[in-house]
Amino acid sequence: MKYEKIYIILLSIIGVISSCTKHEDIIDTSLQPGSILCSDGSIVHPSLFSPNEKEAIGVVFWCNDGNNPDIKETAYAVSLEDLEENPLIDTDEDIANVSEDENSFDGAANTAAIMNFAIKDSLAYPAAQKAIEYAPKGVTGWFIGSIAQNKAISNNLEKVYSSFSIIGGTHFDGWYWSSTEDGAGKDTPKVFALISSLTKGRATSTSKRNSFKIRPIIAIR
């Protein structure tokens, strides 16, 4: 009888150890590329997302690691859908306060500058306007990413697509506007802006009057 009790206790201990071993792989649910941005402002790990409880509006593609003190935002998220092809702005002028820096995360400032320039001179700015007016589930504050921000989407494409598969995001296809002017030559900023292939991370230059798709992004502070 004594040995039976010891045997039962040993089995219990082995069961506990075995149970603990099964749960060693702890999921990192911290903010990271692939996290899902919801309409209530919350950010959820893909493994914890429930469509019955939350409405997804975007996927995080970049998080601030603190290495660039000029970037104050905590993260950026990309929207789940394309906006239709439109010209960036109807002008052949160098737009005041729009950057040509291909390494700067300044899409919000660029998009605002395009809008201000267009309103001042009574110009059409359909692509920038569509991004500014975009409001999924009533959430505003979206803009056209800079070329550097668009490249950051490409750099985390696998994680973005993985979350898209959970929440129904549309895969990227073709060329998309950035809000960065072409600074390759003295006069290029007057006529040209940069567009991105979000799947391949490539960029090229085109007239601001040409039509391309928009994939809005939003800052998370």
Protein backbone atom coordinates (compact mmCIF):
# COMPACT_ATOMS: atom_id res chain seq x y z
CA MET A 1 0.00 0.00 0.00
CA LYS A 2 2.86 2.34 0.87
CA TYR A 3 4.55 1.65 -2.46
CA GLU A 4 1.29 2.26 -4.33
CA LYS A 5 1.04 5.76 -2.80
CA ILE A 6 4.63 6.56 -3.75
CA TYR A 7 3.96 5.32 -7.30
CA ILE A 8 0.85 7.54 -7.60
CA ILE A 9 2.78 10.58 -6.33
CA LEU A 10 5.57 9.95 -8.83
CA LEU A 11 3.06 9.70 -11.66
CA SER A 12 1.51 13.02 -10.56
CA ILE A 13 4.92 14.73 -10.55
CA ILE A 14 5.74 13.36 -14.00
CA GLY A 15 2.35 14.58 -15.23
CA VAL A 16 3.04 18.10 -13.95
CA ILE A 17 6.50 18.17 -15.55
CA SER A 18 5.07 16.88 -18.82
CA SER A 19 2.29 19.49 -18.71
CA CYS A 20 4.80 22.30 -18.17
CA THR A 21 6.98 21.06 -21.01
CA LYS A 22 4.05 21.26 -23.44
CA HIS A 23 3.65 24.98 -22.71
CA GLU A 24 7.28 26.07 -22.98
CA ASP A 25 6.68 27.90 -26.29
CA ILE A 26 5.31 31.18 -25.01
CA ILE A 27 3.87 33.51 -27.66
CA ASP A 28 5.33 37.01 -27.72
CA THR A 29 2.22 39.21 -27.83
CA SER A 30 4.08 42.52 -27.63
CA LEU A 31 3.69 45.18 -30.33
CA GLN A 32 5.50 43.93 -33.44
CA PRO A 33 5.18 43.79 -37.24
CA GLY A 34 2.09 41.73 -37.98
CA SER A 35 0.13 43.01 -34.99
CA ILE A 36 -3.43 43.94 -35.91
CA LEU A 37 -4.74 47.49 -35.51
CA CYS A 38 -8.41 47.59 -34.53
CA SER A 39 -11.06 50.27 -34.95
CA ASP A 40 -11.21 50.93 -31.20
CA GLY A 41 -7.52 51.85 -31.18
CA SER A 42 -6.35 48.59 -29.65
CA ILE A 43 -3.54 46.50 -31.13
CA VAL A 44 -3.88 42.73 -30.99
CA HIS A 45 -1.50 39.86 -31.68
CA PRO A 46 -2.79 37.80 -34.65
CA SER A 47 -3.15 34.70 -32.47
CA LEU A 48 -5.48 36.61 -30.13
CA PHE A 49 -7.60 38.37 -32.74
CA SER A 50 -11.32 37.55 -32.75
CA PRO A 51 -13.57 39.02 -35.48
CA ASN A 52 -16.49 38.67 -33.09
CA GLU A 53 -14.86 41.07 -30.64
CA LYS A 54 -12.76 43.43 -32.79
CA GLU A 55 -12.86 45.13 -36.19
CA ALA A 56 -9.50 45.13 -37.96
CA ILE A 57 -8.49 48.22 -39.95
CA GLY A 58 -4.75 47.74 -40.44
CA VAL A 59 -1.61 45.72 -39.83
CA VAL A 60 1.55 46.99 -38.14
CA PHE A 61 4.53 46.91 -40.51
CA TRP A 62 7.15 48.83 -38.50
CA CYS A 63 7.91 49.39 -34.82
CA ASN A 64 10.21 52.00 -33.34
CA ASP A 65 13.34 50.45 -31.88
CA GLY A 66 14.59 53.80 -30.64
CA ASN A 67 17.60 53.91 -32.95
CA ASN A 68 16.32 56.97 -34.80
CA PRO A 69 15.58 59.82 -32.39
CA ASP A 70 13.89 61.81 -35.17
CA ILE A 71 11.02 59.32 -35.33
CA LYS A 72 8.61 59.93 -32.46
CA GLU A 73 5.87 57.48 -33.47
CA THR A 74 5.63 54.10 -31.76
CA ALA A 75 4.72 52.22 -34.92
CA TYR A 76 3.05 52.43 -38.33
CA ALA A 77 0.25 50.32 -39.77
CA VAL A 78 -0.84 49.76 -43.36
CA SER A 79 -4.49 49.67 -44.43
CA LEU A 80 -6.22 46.49 -45.58
CA GLU A 81 -7.25 47.74 -49.02
CA ASP A 82 -6.12 49.69 -52.05
CA LEU A 83 -7.58 53.02 -53.03
CA GLU A 84 -8.23 53.52 -56.73
CA GLU A 85 -5.64 54.86 -59.17
CA ASN A 86 -5.37 58.65 -59.27
CA PRO A 87 -2.82 61.35 -60.06
CA LEU A 88 -0.86 62.54 -57.04
CA ILE A 89 -1.37 66.24 -57.81
CA ASP A 90 -2.01 68.31 -60.93
CA THR A 91 1.22 70.31 -61.08
CA ASP A 92 4.72 70.41 -62.54
CA GLU A 93 6.07 72.47 -59.66
CA ASP A 94 8.37 71.58 -56.81
CA ILE A 95 5.93 71.35 -53.91
CA ALA A 96 6.92 73.36 -50.86
CA ASN A 97 7.78 71.29 -47.77
CA VAL A 98 7.61 67.94 -49.59
CA SER A 99 10.78 65.95 -48.96
CA GLU A 100 13.07 64.30 -51.49
CA ASP A 101 14.82 62.32 -48.74
CA GLU A 102 14.49 58.61 -49.55
CA ASN A 103 15.38 57.58 -45.99
CA SER A 104 12.91 59.74 -44.08
CA PHE A 105 9.69 58.52 -42.45
CA ASP A 106 7.89 61.76 -43.31
CA GLY A 107 4.84 60.58 -45.23
CA ALA A 108 2.37 62.40 -42.98
CA ALA A 109 4.16 65.75 -43.38
CA ASN A 110 4.55 65.22 -47.13
CA THR A 111 0.88 64.38 -47.63
CA ALA A 112 -0.20 67.43 -45.61
CA ALA A 113 2.19 69.63 -47.63
CA ILE A 114 0.72 68.33 -50.91
CA MET A 115 -2.77 69.18 -49.68
CA ASN A 116 -1.80 72.66 -48.49
CA PHE A 117 0.01 73.44 -51.75
CA ALA A 118 -2.95 72.25 -53.82
CA ILE A 119 -5.53 74.21 -51.82
CA LYS A 120 -3.42 77.38 -51.96
CA ASP A 121 -3.12 77.22 -55.76
CA SER A 122 -6.58 75.67 -56.39
CA LEU A 123 -5.11 72.47 -57.82
CA ALA A 124 -6.54 68.97 -57.90
CA TYR A 125 -4.69 66.49 -55.67
CA PRO A 126 -6.83 63.34 -56.02
CA ALA A 127 -4.46 60.65 -54.69
CA ALA A 128 -3.40 62.66 -51.65
CA GLN A 129 -7.00 63.72 -51.04
CA LYS A 130 -8.24 60.12 -51.18
CA ALA A 131 -5.64 59.09 -48.59
CA ILE A 132 -6.49 62.01 -46.29
CA GLU A 133 -10.23 61.33 -46.52
CA TYR A 134 -9.85 57.59 -45.97
CA ALA A 135 -11.63 56.59 -42.74
CA PRO A 136 -12.23 52.85 -42.27
CA LYS A 137 -14.73 52.31 -39.44
CA GLY A 138 -14.54 56.07 -38.83
CA VAL A 139 -10.81 56.09 -38.05
CA THR A 140 -9.04 59.09 -39.65
CA GLY A 141 -5.42 60.19 -39.83
CA TRP A 142 -4.24 58.11 -42.81
CA PHE A 143 -1.71 59.37 -45.36
CA ILE A 144 0.52 58.34 -48.28
CA GLY A 145 3.72 56.80 -47.00
CA SER A 146 7.12 58.18 -47.89
CA ILE A 147 9.31 55.99 -50.07
CA ALA A 148 11.17 54.85 -46.92
CA GLN A 149 7.91 53.89 -45.19
CA ASN A 150 6.75 52.00 -48.27
CA LYS A 151 10.03 50.08 -48.30
CA ALA A 152 9.47 49.20 -44.64
CA ILE A 153 6.21 47.51 -45.68
CA SER A 154 8.16 45.41 -48.20
CA ASN A 155 10.73 44.50 -45.56
CA ASN A 156 8.02 42.93 -43.38
CA LEU A 157 5.84 41.61 -46.19
CA GLU A 158 5.65 38.05 -44.86
CA LYS A 159 4.31 39.14 -41.47
CA VAL A 160 1.88 41.63 -43.04
CA TYR A 161 0.53 38.99 -45.40
CA SER A 162 0.24 36.44 -42.59
CA SER A 163 -2.06 38.83 -40.72
CA PHE A 164 -3.91 39.73 -43.93
CA SER A 165 -4.81 36.05 -44.26
CA ILE A 166 -6.48 36.18 -40.85
CA ILE A 167 -8.40 39.44 -41.26
CA GLY A 168 -9.04 39.55 -45.00
CA GLY A 169 -6.55 42.16 -46.19
CA THR A 170 -5.94 42.61 -49.91
CA HIS A 171 -2.48 41.65 -51.16
CA PHE A 172 -0.41 44.34 -52.85
CA ASP A 173 -0.26 44.37 -56.63
CA GLY A 174 1.53 46.73 -59.00
CA TRP A 175 2.81 50.22 -58.24
CA TYR A 176 1.74 52.56 -55.46
CA TRP A 177 2.28 56.25 -54.83
CA SER A 178 4.75 57.42 -52.25
CA SER A 179 4.63 61.02 -51.05
CA THR A 180 8.34 61.58 -51.75
CA GLU A 181 9.45 63.77 -54.65
CA ASP A 182 12.22 62.63 -56.99
CA GLY A 183 15.43 64.35 -55.90
CA ALA A 184 17.71 62.72 -58.48
CA GLY A 185 18.31 65.95 -60.42
CA LYS A 186 18.00 69.71 -60.14
CA ASP A 187 14.59 69.89 -61.82
CA THR A 188 13.21 66.40 -61.10
CA PRO A 189 11.26 67.46 -57.96
CA LYS A 190 9.17 69.80 -60.12
CA VAL A 191 7.73 67.04 -62.29
CA PHE A 192 8.38 63.69 -60.67
CA ALA A 193 7.52 61.76 -57.52
CA LEU A 194 8.48 58.23 -56.49
CA ILE A 195 6.28 55.14 -56.73
CA SER A 196 6.82 51.79 -55.02
CA SER A 197 6.40 48.11 -55.65
CA LEU A 198 5.30 47.04 -52.17
CA THR A 199 5.93 43.36 -52.94
CA LYS A 200 9.50 43.79 -54.20
CA GLY A 201 10.67 46.93 -52.42
CA ARG A 202 11.59 48.65 -55.64
CA ALA A 203 11.09 52.34 -56.41
CA THR A 204 11.00 54.38 -59.59
CA SER A 205 10.12 57.89 -60.71
CA THR A 206 7.03 59.09 -62.55
CA SER A 207 5.12 62.26 -63.37
CA LYS A 208 2.92 63.47 -60.53
CA ARG A 209 0.11 63.65 -63.08
CA ASN A 210 0.18 59.91 -63.78
CA SER A 211 -2.28 57.63 -62.03
CA PHE A 212 -1.30 54.95 -59.54
CA LYS A 213 -2.91 53.19 -56.61
CA ILE A 214 -2.70 54.31 -53.00
CA ARG A 215 -2.24 52.12 -49.92
CA PRO A 216 -2.75 54.45 -46.96
CA ILE A 217 -0.75 54.09 -43.76
CA ILE A 218 -1.31 55.49 -40.27
CA ALA A 219 0.92 56.40 -37.33
CA ILE A 220 0.54 54.72 -33.94
CA ARG A 221 1.63 57.01 -31.12
